[in-house]
Protein backbone atom coordinates (compact mmCIF):
# COMPACT_ATOMS: atom_id res chain seq x y z
CA MET A 1 161.19 160.05 51.03
CA ASN A 2 158.22 160.83 53.27
CA ILE A 3 158.53 161.93 56.84
CA THR A 4 156.18 162.97 59.59
CA HIS A 5 157.26 165.17 62.45
CA ASP A 6 155.06 165.40 65.54
CA MET A 7 156.62 166.50 68.78
CA SER A 8 153.35 167.08 70.63
CA ASN A 9 154.06 164.35 73.18
CA ASP A 10 155.90 165.54 76.27
CA LEU A 11 158.60 162.90 76.64
CA THR A 12 160.21 164.55 79.62
CA GLU A 13 157.70 162.65 81.79
CA TYR A 14 158.23 159.35 79.98
CA ASP A 15 156.90 156.32 81.83
CA PRO A 16 157.75 152.89 80.36
CA GLU A 17 154.58 151.41 81.83
CA SER A 18 152.50 153.85 79.77
CA ARG A 19 153.65 152.07 76.61
CA GLN A 20 151.77 148.92 77.59
CA VAL A 21 148.70 148.40 75.42
CA ASP A 22 146.09 145.69 75.16
CA GLY A 23 146.39 143.33 72.25
CA PRO A 24 147.30 139.80 71.22
CA ASN A 25 150.09 137.99 73.03
CA PRO A 26 153.56 138.59 71.56
CA ILE A 27 155.15 135.66 69.77
CA GLU A 28 158.64 134.74 70.94
CA ASN A 29 161.06 132.00 69.99
CA ARG A 30 161.58 129.97 73.16
CA ILE A 31 165.34 129.79 72.54
CA SER A 32 165.80 133.46 71.61
CA SER A 33 167.15 136.20 73.88
CA SER A 34 165.68 139.62 74.56
CA ALA A 35 169.07 141.12 75.44
CA ALA A 36 169.38 143.00 72.14
CA ARG A 37 165.95 144.66 72.23
CA VAL A 38 165.82 148.40 71.68
CA PRO A 39 164.54 150.67 74.49
CA ASP A 40 160.78 151.20 74.35
CA ILE A 41 161.09 154.98 74.35
CA ILE A 42 162.53 154.94 70.82
CA SER A 43 159.07 154.03 69.54
CA CYS A 44 158.01 157.56 70.54
CA THR A 45 159.93 159.01 67.60
CA SER A 46 157.98 160.03 64.52
CA GLY A 47 160.10 157.74 62.36
CA ILE A 48 161.79 158.06 58.99
CA THR A 49 159.98 156.44 56.08
CA VAL A 50 162.29 154.71 53.61
CA GLN A 51 160.71 152.83 50.69
CA GLY A 52 157.40 152.58 52.53
CA ARG A 53 158.97 151.23 55.72
CA GLN A 54 158.89 153.39 58.85
CA LEU A 55 162.15 153.28 60.78
CA HIS A 56 162.37 154.46 64.38
CA SER A 57 165.45 152.64 65.69
CA PHE A 58 168.84 152.08 64.07
CA ALA A 59 171.12 149.60 65.86
CA PHE A 60 174.67 150.91 65.60
CA THR A 61 176.69 147.70 65.34
CA THR A 62 178.66 145.42 63.04
CA ASP A 63 178.36 142.40 65.34
CA ALA A 64 176.78 139.65 63.24
CA ALA A 65 175.21 137.92 66.25
CA ILE A 66 173.66 141.16 67.50
CA ILE A 67 172.46 142.12 64.02
CA ARG A 68 170.76 138.75 63.70
CA ASN A 69 168.98 138.98 67.06
CA THR A 70 168.11 142.64 67.56
CA ASN A 71 164.59 143.94 66.99
CA ALA A 72 165.81 147.32 65.74
CA ASP A 73 164.01 148.66 62.68
CA ALA A 74 167.32 149.08 60.83
CA ILE A 75 171.04 148.51 61.17
CA LEU A 76 173.67 151.25 60.97
CA ALA A 77 176.85 149.36 60.08
CA VAL A 78 179.73 151.81 60.24
CA TYR A 79 183.23 150.66 61.19
CA PRO A 80 186.69 152.30 61.55
CA PHE A 81 188.38 150.42 58.74
CA THR A 82 188.60 150.78 54.98
CA GLY A 83 185.28 149.60 53.58
CA GLU A 84 185.17 146.21 51.88
CA PRO A 85 182.25 144.66 49.96
CA VAL A 86 182.90 141.30 51.66
CA ILE A 87 182.04 142.87 55.03
CA THR A 88 178.83 144.34 53.63
CA GLN A 89 177.88 140.96 52.16
CA ALA A 90 178.53 139.17 55.45
CA LEU A 91 176.32 141.60 57.37
CA LEU A 92 173.57 141.44 54.75
CA THR A 93 173.58 137.66 55.09
CA VAL A 94 172.56 137.81 58.76
CA ALA A 95 170.52 141.02 58.81
CA GLN A 96 166.74 140.73 59.18
CA ALA A 97 166.26 144.50 58.95
CA PRO A 98 167.34 147.11 56.38
CA LEU A 99 171.11 147.59 56.48
CA PHE A 100 172.66 151.03 56.04
CA VAL A 101 176.37 150.55 55.50
CA GLY A 102 179.28 152.92 55.87
CA VAL A 103 181.20 153.55 52.67
CA GLY A 104 183.80 156.02 53.92
CA GLY A 105 184.37 159.71 53.77
CA GLY A 106 186.97 159.80 56.53
CA THR A 107 189.72 157.19 56.23
CA THR A 108 188.39 156.12 52.84
CA THR A 109 188.21 158.92 50.27
CA GLY A 110 188.11 159.56 46.55
CA PRO A 111 186.79 157.18 43.89
CA ARG A 112 186.78 154.23 46.30
CA VAL A 113 183.89 155.79 48.23
CA ILE A 114 181.78 155.91 45.08
CA GLN A 115 182.77 152.37 44.14
CA LEU A 116 181.86 151.06 47.59
CA ALA A 117 178.51 152.88 47.47
CA MET A 118 177.70 151.40 44.06
CA MET A 119 178.66 147.92 45.23
CA ALA A 120 176.62 148.27 48.44
CA GLU A 121 173.56 149.22 46.40
CA MET A 122 174.01 146.22 44.10
CA GLN A 123 174.49 143.91 47.07
CA GLY A 124 171.17 145.01 48.53
CA ALA A 125 172.01 147.58 51.20
CA ALA A 126 169.08 149.85 52.09
CA GLY A 127 171.32 152.91 52.06
CA VAL A 128 174.86 154.16 52.47
CA VAL A 129 176.43 156.25 55.22
CA LEU A 130 179.10 158.91 54.74
CA ASN A 131 181.31 159.90 57.66
CA ALA A 132 181.44 163.49 58.91
CA PRO A 133 184.66 164.47 57.07
CA ALA A 134 183.11 163.64 53.68
CA PRO A 135 182.81 166.93 51.75
CA PRO A 136 179.61 167.99 49.96
CA SER A 137 181.22 167.03 46.66
CA THR A 138 181.43 163.40 47.80
CA VAL A 139 177.79 163.49 48.91
CA TYR A 140 176.89 164.81 45.46
CA ASP A 141 178.86 162.13 43.62
CA VAL A 142 177.37 159.27 45.66
CA ALA A 143 173.82 160.64 45.43
CA ARG A 144 174.17 161.16 41.68
CA ILE A 145 175.57 157.74 40.85
CA THR A 146 173.57 155.54 43.22
CA ASN A 147 169.83 155.11 43.56
CA THR A 148 169.81 154.58 47.30
CA PRO A 149 169.38 156.90 50.31
CA VAL A 150 172.54 158.70 51.37
CA ILE A 151 172.98 159.33 55.09
CA ALA A 152 175.40 162.18 55.77
CA THR A 153 176.89 162.33 59.25
CA VAL A 154 177.41 165.79 60.75
CA LEU A 155 178.87 167.15 63.97
CA THR A 156 177.55 170.71 63.85
CA CYS A 157 174.90 172.88 62.24
CA ASP A 158 176.84 174.98 59.77
CA ASP A 159 177.04 176.02 56.13
CA GLU A 160 178.58 172.69 55.13
CA LEU A 161 175.46 170.97 56.45
CA ASP A 162 173.38 173.09 54.07
CA GLU A 163 175.70 172.16 51.22
CA LYS A 164 175.43 168.44 51.99
CA ILE A 165 171.64 168.64 51.93
CA GLU A 166 171.73 170.53 48.65
CA ALA A 167 174.18 167.95 47.30
CA GLY A 168 171.65 165.18 47.82
CA ALA A 169 171.86 163.86 51.38
CA SER A 170 168.58 162.06 52.09
CA ILE A 171 169.03 161.78 55.87
CA ILE A 172 171.22 163.74 58.26
CA ASN A 173 172.83 161.70 61.02
CA VAL A 174 173.77 163.88 64.00
CA ALA A 175 176.65 162.48 66.03
CA ALA A 176 177.71 165.34 68.29
CA GLY A 177 178.12 163.53 71.59
CA ARG A 178 176.60 165.38 74.53
CA ARG A 179 175.83 168.30 72.23
CA THR A 180 173.58 166.17 70.03
CA PRO A 181 170.21 167.52 71.32
CA ASP A 182 171.37 171.11 70.80
CA VAL A 183 172.67 170.41 67.30
CA VAL A 184 169.48 168.53 66.41
CA GLN A 185 167.38 171.48 67.55
CA GLN A 186 169.46 173.91 65.48
CA ILE A 187 169.18 171.76 62.37
CA ARG A 188 165.44 171.25 62.86
CA GLN A 189 164.88 174.99 63.04
CA ARG A 190 166.98 175.49 59.93
CA HIS A 191 165.60 172.54 57.95
CA PRO A 192 162.08 171.66 59.18
CA SER A 193 161.52 168.76 56.77
CA ILE A 194 164.89 167.00 56.53
CA PRO A 195 164.85 163.52 58.13
CA LEU A 196 167.05 163.60 61.22
CA LEU A 197 168.73 160.55 62.72
CA ALA A 198 170.62 161.10 65.97
CA SER A 199 172.44 159.29 68.73
CA GLY A 200 170.21 159.16 71.78
CA GLY A 201 172.65 158.21 74.49
CA SER A 202 172.21 155.33 76.90
CA THR A 203 169.35 156.46 79.15
CA ASP A 204 165.65 157.10 78.65
CA GLU A 205 166.20 160.69 79.76
CA SER A 206 168.87 161.42 77.16
CA MET A 207 166.84 159.73 74.43
CA ALA A 208 163.76 161.74 75.38
CA GLU A 209 165.79 164.96 75.21
CA THR A 210 167.02 164.09 71.72
CA ILE A 211 163.52 163.21 70.52
CA VAL A 212 162.03 166.43 71.89
CA SER A 213 164.83 168.37 70.17
CA GLY A 214 163.53 167.17 66.81
CA ALA A 215 165.12 163.81 65.96
CA ASN A 216 162.90 161.57 63.83
CA ALA A 217 164.78 158.36 64.63
CA LEU A 218 167.52 157.32 67.04
CA THR A 219 170.68 155.30 66.73
CA TRP A 220 171.15 152.88 69.60
CA THR A 221 174.33 151.05 70.54
CA PRO A 222 173.44 147.57 71.80
CA PRO A 223 175.66 145.71 74.25
CA ASN A 224 178.30 143.67 72.46
CA ALA A 225 178.31 139.89 72.49
CA GLN A 226 181.13 139.77 75.04
CA GLU A 227 179.19 141.93 77.51
CA MET A 228 176.10 139.79 77.05
CA GLN A 229 178.10 136.59 77.52
CA ARG A 230 179.69 138.00 80.68
CA SER A 231 176.26 138.89 82.06
CA MET A 232 174.97 135.43 81.24
CA MET A 233 177.90 133.77 83.03
CA MET A 234 177.27 135.93 86.09
CA ARG A 235 173.68 134.70 86.14
CA TYR A 236 174.85 131.13 85.81
CA ARG A 237 177.23 131.56 88.74
CA GLY A 238 174.47 133.15 90.76
CA GLU A 239 172.21 130.19 90.09
CA SER A 240 174.94 127.75 91.10
CA THR A 241 175.26 129.48 94.49
CA GLY A 242 171.56 129.32 95.16
CA ASP A 243 170.43 132.79 94.02
CA ASN A 244 167.01 132.81 92.35
CA MET A 245 168.09 134.60 89.19
CA GLN A 246 166.12 133.94 86.04
CA HIS A 247 167.70 132.93 82.70
């Protein structure tokens, strides 16, 4: 897995308008919605290259409608239930981007994790995700038996992180809440070449901080379908009362 890491750009002064470049007109489906588009700042990451495809943004969702309509480079499908191949298959059916699916490590443990990882690979998932509680031994078993990238989620930079990398984790996913930039920086100093995926928060400022700390790609949580529908209905009501709101 190849990765480039260039943090020379000062993202603390990020200006969305500066991302505008000359080129051909974008092609859009006239009936599509731009509500599930990733923030422009995520394109400032160096990216993680998986099977020749450079991934900057990972949409963190299991919503089939969002997965179908987002322009994220990849999907991070992790959910708080026991993993089932039928869920993976359903998401793969609608996904237009590489799907990285959760196979357990927290609620789901033991041989079932390995079985789910093997099934996900055979179904066509681009990679598998292990939750933070998964021990290095589970990372080792999954990495040994499957031929697909293993994303190991971590909360801190500690000795267990080192063991997970040694066990075969291809990508480290940092999910430390508000501490994420600090943890990312610690891991980057400790492991200069490991691909780092991290949650970037909900604002350009928090995303920029995470990128500058050393993250190569960001997870982004899109609005859910209910929120988008509510927003759409508010626009409709505004139009009906005479407000000049655009659809």
